[in-house]
Amino acid sequence: MEFDPSVPIWLQLTGEFTRRVVTGSWPPGAKIPAVRELAVDLKVNPNTVQRALAELERGGLTRTERTAGRFVTDDLAAIDAARRGLAAEAATDYARKAGGLGMDLATARELLGQQWLAGTEEGDAR
């Protein structure tokens, strides 16, 4: 993972860990790797990983079981809400950029639809 020096690393990790949950890379109910293991893999301080994971727990995406470790929530509604939040951020970014280029809403929607179809393997829009 490459980090953007203009954004706090713990915040970038929070986004990355959230992405792992919503994409199923860390499936519902799965045990999350230990803080130290993640820190070594990501080449960051364990305290930074801990802070990011604590944020996920505050958001309801993970739970800690005292002696067993940290797990992804089984609450699919919470996972879906996180997915929608990430998609909304991406949509906001797209809308700002398209609007900044002087594009109207209809054209921006049309372009998004084209890119959606091009970005899916079978070309089917889910």
Foldseek 3Di string as FASTA:
>chain_A
DDDDPVDDPLVVLLVVVLVCDLVCVQDAFRADDDLVVVCVVVVHDSVSSVSSVVVCVVLVQWDADDPPHIHGHNPVVSSVVSVVVVVVVVVVVLVVVCVVVVHDPVVSVVVVLVVQLVPDPVSDRD
